[in-house]
Amino acid sequence: MREYDVVVVGGGPAGSTAATSTARAGLRTLLIERAVFPRDKVCGDCLNPGCWEVFAQLGVANEIAALPSARLRWVSFTNIRGVRIEHRFNADGPIEFGIKRSALDHALLKNAERAGAEIWQGQSVIGANPEWVIRTAKQAVLAKFLVAADGRNSSVARFLGSFPRTPTDRVAYQTYFSASRPAHVALELNRLGYMGMGSVGESEINLCVVARPREIDQLRREVSQRLGIGPRHRWNTIAPLSRQPVRPSHSTLFYTGDAARVVEPFTGEGILYALKSGMLAADAILESHRRGPDFRHHYEERHQELYAGRLWINQLARWSVLHPRISSACVELLRYCPWPLERMTRQVVEL
């Protein structure tokens, strides 16, 4: 059985970040990804300005800056009665970007490979045990350190008995369509759920619809008809949209990104949390490898600090989309008292 210093399961932003950092430090690193990149990913495709600091540390900022993208200058909110409010970002302040996950994740994965990580694409993990023996259909490997970066439906968490019981209270559908519109993010509340649109290029729009399982198909049909999207148009889906967090580490296992904690997609913060948690996991692994002690608690503390003081935004966003009528009344109030919206938006953008 082949042995690695680090095995990373999942090639999204969290996994590629962790693999890049550990491989660059000289640890024998394997990254296992079930898909073959580039691949589509259900996501709002919003890059928080804080992402660029991590990209610079990874040495991939220039490559990502060259990808097709859109500078998102403002965000709008529309309630179920059609009342709309806008918040424009400071022209001299941090800028949100819209970049397709297929391109972003591929760039990050290639960067991990250049750093020296071994990459297995198109291989699903079909087993894992507490000794960190990881099995795919082709072979089994042994890890000294294991990084679970395999998303909200983490296979690693399921195999190790850590996955929380999660009711599917909401489902998301996501697609792209062509349209000419100013580059911004538009969020619309609906009696069934909500719709989000964000520019990801000169004339390409990311469209997401979110609702309860029994209502999602109706919402998708209504939105498609309104935007002129045909019935054969390709959509991607994901569920559950949220779940309880798992303990971020156990011995030399580290959960990162959505595998550890799922943030409310309404806020557009998920990619940044994935990048930062991947970096934190790599730092903990390198410290433990060099100095010997178990740095699990150190990672847990820093992971908790990453989210501290910000969970209220996620809780508020989730409550808002589950109670669209009350939220719609709040939108009308924000027309006359906009500072709560400005505060929340500033906290998200300046993370």
Protein backbone atom coordinates (compact mmCIF):
# COMPACT_ATOMS: atom_id res chain seq x y z
CA MET A 1 0.00 0.00 0.00
CA ARG A 2 1.34 3.40 -0.97
CA GLU A 3 1.80 5.87 1.86
CA TYR A 4 1.58 9.65 1.66
CA ASP A 5 2.30 12.37 4.15
CA VAL A 6 -0.95 14.08 3.16
CA VAL A 7 -4.02 12.82 1.33
CA VAL A 8 -6.56 15.44 0.31
CA VAL A 9 -10.02 14.29 -0.75
CA GLY A 10 -11.67 16.89 -2.99
CA GLY A 11 -10.19 19.23 -5.57
CA GLY A 12 -12.21 22.39 -4.97
CA PRO A 13 -10.74 25.61 -3.54
CA ALA A 14 -10.20 24.16 -0.05
CA GLY A 15 -8.56 20.96 -1.26
CA SER A 16 -6.34 22.57 -3.87
CA THR A 17 -5.21 25.23 -1.39
CA ALA A 18 -4.24 22.64 1.21
CA ALA A 19 -2.51 20.42 -1.35
CA THR A 20 -0.55 23.32 -2.85
CA SER A 21 0.74 24.44 0.54
CA THR A 22 1.76 21.00 1.83
CA ALA A 23 3.34 19.89 -1.45
CA ARG A 24 5.29 23.13 -1.75
CA ALA A 25 6.67 22.51 1.75
CA GLY A 26 8.02 19.14 0.62
CA LEU A 27 5.38 16.78 2.00
CA ARG A 28 4.37 13.90 -0.24
CA THR A 29 0.84 14.97 -1.11
CA LEU A 30 -1.94 13.19 -2.99
CA LEU A 31 -5.19 14.87 -4.02
CA ILE A 32 -8.12 12.63 -5.01
CA GLU A 33 -10.97 14.21 -7.01
CA ARG A 34 -13.99 12.28 -8.27
CA ALA A 35 -14.60 14.58 -11.27
CA VAL A 36 -12.36 15.36 -14.24
CA PHE A 37 -11.60 19.07 -14.44
CA PRO A 38 -12.74 21.43 -15.75
CA ARG A 39 -16.23 20.67 -14.48
CA ASP A 40 -19.28 22.74 -13.57
CA LYS A 41 -20.10 23.34 -9.93
CA VAL A 42 -23.30 24.62 -8.37
CA CYS A 43 -22.20 27.95 -6.93
CA GLY A 44 -22.96 31.65 -7.10
CA ASP A 45 -19.44 32.19 -8.53
CA CYS A 46 -18.77 35.25 -6.34
CA LEU A 47 -15.18 35.97 -5.35
CA ASN A 48 -14.96 38.00 -2.17
CA PRO A 49 -12.09 40.54 -2.28
CA GLY A 50 -10.34 38.65 0.51
CA CYS A 51 -9.76 35.73 -1.88
CA TRP A 52 -6.96 37.60 -3.63
CA GLU A 53 -4.73 37.54 -0.57
CA VAL A 54 -4.91 33.74 -0.57
CA PHE A 55 -4.37 33.58 -4.35
CA ALA A 56 -1.22 35.67 -3.89
CA GLN A 57 0.06 33.30 -1.20
CA LEU A 58 -0.58 30.38 -3.53
CA GLY A 59 1.23 32.14 -6.39
CA VAL A 60 -1.76 31.95 -8.70
CA ALA A 61 -3.24 35.46 -8.50
CA ASN A 62 -2.09 36.56 -11.97
CA GLU A 63 -3.44 33.41 -13.60
CA ILE A 64 -6.85 33.83 -11.97
CA ALA A 65 -6.94 37.54 -12.79
CA ALA A 66 -6.56 36.59 -16.47
CA LEU A 67 -9.65 34.34 -16.42
CA PRO A 68 -12.92 35.58 -17.94
CA SER A 69 -14.68 37.47 -15.16
CA ALA A 70 -16.92 40.38 -14.26
CA ARG A 71 -16.32 43.17 -11.75
CA LEU A 72 -19.47 43.32 -9.65
CA ARG A 73 -20.15 46.96 -8.86
CA TRP A 74 -23.38 46.72 -6.90
CA VAL A 75 -25.97 44.37 -5.45
CA SER A 76 -29.75 44.69 -5.72
CA PHE A 77 -32.54 43.15 -3.67
CA THR A 78 -36.11 42.79 -4.95
CA ASN A 79 -39.02 41.67 -2.80
CA ILE A 80 -42.06 39.62 -3.80
CA ARG A 81 -43.98 42.81 -4.69
CA GLY A 82 -41.27 43.99 -7.06
CA VAL A 83 -39.87 46.68 -4.77
CA ARG A 84 -36.14 46.96 -5.44
CA ILE A 85 -33.29 48.46 -3.45
CA GLU A 86 -29.63 48.73 -4.42
CA HIS A 87 -26.32 49.02 -2.63
CA ARG A 88 -23.34 50.21 -4.65
CA PHE A 89 -19.89 49.17 -3.54
CA ASN A 90 -17.35 51.89 -2.82
CA ALA A 91 -15.58 52.63 -6.10
CA ASP A 92 -12.27 52.94 -4.23
CA GLY A 93 -12.86 49.93 -2.02
CA PRO A 94 -12.68 46.15 -2.43
CA ILE A 95 -14.31 44.73 -5.55
CA GLU A 96 -16.37 41.55 -5.83
CA PHE A 97 -15.65 39.43 -8.90
CA GLY A 98 -17.79 36.88 -10.70
CA ILE A 99 -15.71 33.96 -12.06
CA LYS A 100 -17.05 30.58 -13.14
CA ARG A 101 -16.09 27.79 -10.76
CA SER A 102 -15.16 25.51 -13.66
CA ALA A 103 -12.34 27.89 -14.59
CA LEU A 104 -11.37 28.91 -11.06
CA ASP A 105 -11.17 25.38 -9.66
CA HIS A 106 -9.22 24.13 -12.67
CA ALA A 107 -6.65 26.89 -12.24
CA LEU A 108 -6.25 26.09 -8.54
CA LEU A 109 -5.93 22.36 -9.21
CA LYS A 110 -3.25 22.89 -11.87
CA ASN A 111 -1.41 25.10 -9.42
CA ALA A 112 -1.42 22.30 -6.83
CA GLU A 113 0.03 19.94 -9.43
CA ARG A 114 2.77 22.44 -10.31
CA ALA A 115 3.59 22.69 -6.60
CA GLY A 116 4.31 18.95 -6.56
CA ALA A 117 1.02 17.38 -5.47
CA GLU A 118 0.04 14.12 -7.15
CA ILE A 119 -3.45 14.47 -8.64
CA TRP A 120 -5.90 11.63 -9.21
CA GLN A 121 -8.92 12.82 -11.18
CA GLY A 122 -12.01 10.78 -12.00
CA GLN A 123 -11.63 8.62 -8.87
CA SER A 124 -14.23 8.47 -6.12
CA VAL A 125 -13.40 7.54 -2.56
CA ILE A 126 -15.32 4.37 -1.75
CA GLY A 127 -13.98 3.78 1.74
CA ALA A 128 -12.08 5.36 4.62
CA ASN A 129 -11.24 4.13 8.10
CA PRO A 130 -9.89 5.70 11.32
CA GLU A 131 -6.33 4.66 10.41
CA TRP A 132 -6.66 6.97 7.36
CA VAL A 133 -6.67 4.17 4.83
CA ILE A 134 -8.43 5.69 1.83
CA ARG A 135 -9.83 3.40 -0.86
CA THR A 136 -10.78 4.17 -4.43
CA ALA A 137 -11.99 1.67 -7.01
CA LYS A 138 -8.41 1.28 -8.24
CA GLN A 139 -6.32 1.11 -5.06
CA ALA A 140 -5.94 1.99 -1.40
CA VAL A 141 -3.51 4.48 0.11
CA LEU A 142 -2.43 5.32 3.64
CA ALA A 143 -2.24 8.90 4.90
CA LYS A 144 -0.36 10.36 7.85
CA PHE A 145 -2.59 13.42 7.56
CA LEU A 146 -6.03 13.45 5.94
CA VAL A 147 -7.79 16.55 4.62
CA ALA A 148 -11.51 16.20 3.89
CA ALA A 149 -12.35 18.84 1.30
CA ASP A 150 -15.14 16.94 -0.41
CA GLY A 151 -18.03 19.29 0.12
CA ARG A 152 -21.30 19.42 2.01
CA ASN A 153 -22.03 15.74 1.24
CA SER A 154 -18.55 14.67 2.38
CA SER A 155 -17.83 11.01 1.69
CA VAL A 156 -15.04 11.07 4.27
CA ALA A 157 -17.46 12.24 6.97
CA ARG A 158 -19.96 9.55 5.97
CA PHE A 159 -17.42 6.72 6.04
CA LEU A 160 -16.07 7.86 9.41
CA GLY A 161 -19.53 8.29 10.95
CA SER A 162 -19.22 12.06 11.38
CA PHE A 163 -21.83 13.20 8.87
CA PRO A 164 -24.74 14.94 10.62
CA ARG A 165 -28.31 13.88 9.95
CA THR A 166 -29.58 16.60 7.68
CA PRO A 167 -33.13 17.21 6.43
CA THR A 168 -33.29 18.51 2.87
CA ASP A 169 -35.15 21.73 3.63
CA ARG A 170 -34.07 23.50 0.44
CA VAL A 171 -32.76 22.59 -3.01
CA ALA A 172 -30.78 24.72 -5.46
CA TYR A 173 -30.72 24.65 -9.25
CA GLN A 174 -28.05 26.56 -11.15
CA THR A 175 -27.33 27.32 -14.80
CA TYR A 176 -25.76 29.89 -17.13
CA PHE A 177 -27.42 31.91 -19.84
CA SER A 178 -26.40 34.68 -22.20
CA ALA A 179 -27.64 38.22 -21.66
CA SER A 180 -26.37 41.76 -21.91
CA ARG A 181 -26.73 43.48 -18.54
CA PRO A 182 -24.63 45.64 -16.20
CA ALA A 183 -22.23 43.57 -14.09
CA HIS A 184 -23.81 43.19 -10.66
CA VAL A 185 -25.52 40.72 -8.35
CA ALA A 186 -29.32 40.62 -8.27
CA LEU A 187 -31.22 38.78 -5.54
CA GLU A 188 -34.98 38.44 -5.82
CA LEU A 189 -37.32 37.05 -3.21
CA ASN A 190 -40.21 34.97 -4.46
CA ARG A 191 -43.26 33.51 -2.75
CA LEU A 192 -41.67 30.08 -3.43
CA GLY A 193 -38.04 30.87 -2.58
CA TYR A 194 -35.50 33.15 -4.19
CA MET A 195 -33.52 33.74 -7.36
CA GLY A 196 -29.97 35.03 -7.66
CA MET A 197 -28.17 36.28 -10.76
CA GLY A 198 -24.56 37.38 -11.11
CA SER A 199 -22.39 38.29 -14.06
CA VAL A 200 -19.42 36.00 -14.74
CA GLY A 201 -18.28 37.47 -18.04
CA GLU A 202 -19.08 40.06 -20.64
CA SER A 203 -22.44 38.52 -21.57
CA GLU A 204 -22.74 35.41 -19.39
CA ILE A 205 -24.95 35.23 -16.32
CA ASN A 206 -24.95 32.75 -13.45
CA LEU A 207 -28.54 31.98 -12.43
CA CYS A 208 -29.51 30.17 -9.23
CA VAL A 209 -32.96 29.36 -7.90
CA VAL A 210 -33.56 28.08 -4.38
CA ALA A 211 -36.74 26.68 -2.83
CA ARG A 212 -38.11 23.83 -0.78
CA PRO A 213 -38.09 20.46 -2.60
CA ARG A 214 -41.84 20.47 -3.29
CA GLU A 215 -41.68 23.97 -4.84
CA ILE A 216 -38.34 24.07 -6.64
CA ASP A 217 -39.58 22.77 -10.01
CA GLN A 218 -42.38 25.32 -10.14
CA LEU A 219 -39.98 28.15 -9.30
CA ARG A 220 -37.53 27.00 -11.95
CA ARG A 221 -40.30 26.89 -14.58
CA GLU A 222 -41.51 30.37 -13.69
CA VAL A 223 -38.01 31.86 -13.78
CA SER A 224 -37.17 30.08 -17.03
CA GLN A 225 -40.31 31.40 -18.72
CA ARG A 226 -39.62 34.92 -17.53
CA LEU A 227 -36.00 34.90 -18.76
CA GLY A 228 -36.66 33.04 -22.00
CA ILE A 229 -34.79 29.89 -20.99
CA GLY A 230 -36.00 26.84 -22.91
CA PRO A 231 -37.25 23.59 -21.35
CA ARG A 232 -34.20 21.65 -22.60
CA HIS A 233 -31.72 24.04 -21.05
CA ARG A 234 -29.16 22.26 -18.85
CA TRP A 235 -29.37 22.84 -15.10
CA ASN A 236 -27.20 21.54 -12.25
CA THR A 237 -28.57 20.84 -8.80
CA ILE A 238 -27.37 20.35 -5.25
CA ALA A 239 -28.94 19.43 -1.91
CA PRO A 240 -29.04 19.89 0.98
CA LEU A 241 -28.37 23.60 0.81
CA SER A 242 -27.38 23.76 4.47
CA ARG A 243 -26.57 21.33 7.26
CA GLN A 244 -25.09 21.19 10.73
CA PRO A 245 -21.31 21.66 10.98
CA VAL A 246 -18.97 18.84 11.92
CA ARG A 247 -16.08 19.05 14.35
CA PRO A 248 -13.31 20.47 12.16
CA SER A 249 -10.57 18.05 13.22
CA HIS A 250 -9.93 14.71 14.83
CA SER A 251 -6.37 13.55 15.47
CA THR A 252 -4.67 14.15 12.09
CA LEU A 253 -7.91 14.56 10.12
CA PHE A 254 -8.95 18.06 9.07
CA TYR A 255 -12.33 19.03 7.61
CA THR A 256 -12.24 22.10 5.37
CA GLY A 257 -14.64 24.20 3.32
CA ASP A 258 -18.21 22.91 3.07
CA ALA A 259 -17.13 19.55 4.47
CA ALA A 260 -16.66 21.32 7.81
CA ARG A 261 -19.33 24.02 7.76
CA VAL A 262 -21.76 25.07 5.04
CA VAL A 263 -22.32 28.81 4.81
CA GLU A 264 -25.52 30.31 3.47
CA PRO A 265 -25.06 30.77 -0.32
CA PHE A 266 -27.16 33.95 -0.16
CA THR A 267 -24.10 35.72 1.33
CA GLY A 268 -21.59 34.77 -1.38
CA GLU A 269 -18.84 33.94 1.14
CA GLY A 270 -18.35 30.22 0.54
CA ILE A 271 -15.27 30.34 -1.73
CA LEU A 272 -13.34 32.56 0.67
CA TYR A 273 -14.10 30.32 3.65
CA ALA A 274 -12.96 27.31 1.61
CA LEU A 275 -9.67 28.96 0.67
CA LYS A 276 -8.92 30.13 4.19
CA SER A 277 -9.84 26.85 5.87
CA GLY A 278 -7.66 24.96 3.37
CA MET A 279 -4.77 27.23 4.27
CA LEU A 280 -5.41 26.77 8.00
CA ALA A 281 -5.41 22.98 7.60
CA ALA A 282 -2.12 23.09 5.70
CA ASP A 283 -0.56 25.30 8.38
CA ALA A 284 -1.65 22.89 11.12
CA ILE A 285 -0.26 19.91 9.19
CA LEU A 286 3.09 21.60 8.62
CA GLU A 287 3.38 22.62 12.27
CA SER A 288 2.52 19.12 13.42
CA HIS A 289 4.95 17.58 10.92
CA ARG A 290 7.82 19.83 12.02
CA ARG A 291 7.23 20.00 15.75
CA GLY A 292 5.52 16.73 16.56
CA PRO A 293 2.61 17.71 18.88
CA ASP A 294 -0.98 17.28 17.90
CA PHE A 295 -2.12 20.63 16.50
CA ARG A 296 -5.76 19.58 16.21
CA HIS A 297 -6.92 22.02 18.87
CA HIS A 298 -4.88 24.79 17.29
CA TYR A 299 -6.71 24.21 14.00
CA GLU A 300 -10.08 24.04 15.74
CA GLU A 301 -9.45 27.37 17.46
CA ARG A 302 -8.36 29.12 14.28
CA HIS A 303 -11.23 27.54 12.35
CA GLN A 304 -13.69 28.84 14.93
CA GLU A 305 -12.08 32.30 14.78
CA LEU A 306 -12.56 32.31 11.00
CA TYR A 307 -16.34 32.21 11.45
CA ALA A 308 -16.59 34.02 14.79
CA GLY A 309 -18.75 37.11 14.77
CA ARG A 310 -20.09 36.35 11.30
CA LEU A 311 -22.53 33.52 11.86
CA TRP A 312 -25.31 36.04 12.46
CA ILE A 313 -25.08 37.03 8.79
CA ASN A 314 -25.62 33.43 7.71
CA GLN A 315 -28.45 32.94 10.18
CA LEU A 316 -30.13 36.15 9.06
CA ALA A 317 -29.74 35.26 5.38
CA ARG A 318 -31.17 31.78 5.89
CA TRP A 319 -34.12 33.13 7.88
CA SER A 320 -34.76 35.74 5.19
CA VAL A 321 -35.09 33.24 2.37
CA LEU A 322 -37.25 30.89 4.44
CA HIS A 323 -39.67 33.72 5.28
CA PRO A 324 -39.96 35.68 2.02
CA ARG A 325 -43.09 37.63 2.98
CA ILE A 326 -41.59 39.03 6.16
CA SER A 327 -38.29 39.65 4.38
CA SER A 328 -40.14 41.49 1.64
CA ALA A 329 -41.59 43.87 4.21
CA CYS A 330 -38.06 44.46 5.48
CA VAL A 331 -36.90 45.34 1.97
CA GLU A 332 -39.52 48.08 1.83
CA LEU A 333 -38.34 49.44 5.18
CA LEU A 334 -34.73 49.44 3.95
CA ARG A 335 -35.72 51.91 1.25
CA TYR A 336 -36.07 54.51 3.99
CA CYS A 337 -33.48 53.21 6.46
CA PRO A 338 -30.65 51.65 4.41
CA TRP A 339 -27.89 51.45 7.02
CA PRO A 340 -28.56 47.80 8.09
CA LEU A 341 -28.16 46.69 4.47
CA GLU A 342 -25.02 48.79 4.10
CA ARG A 343 -23.54 47.28 7.26
CA MET A 344 -24.25 43.69 6.25
CA THR A 345 -22.98 44.19 2.70
CA ARG A 346 -19.83 45.90 3.96
CA GLN A 347 -19.12 43.03 6.37
CA VAL A 348 -19.46 40.48 3.57
CA VAL A 349 -17.34 42.40 1.06
CA GLU A 350 -14.62 43.39 3.52
CA LEU A 351 -14.17 39.91 5.00
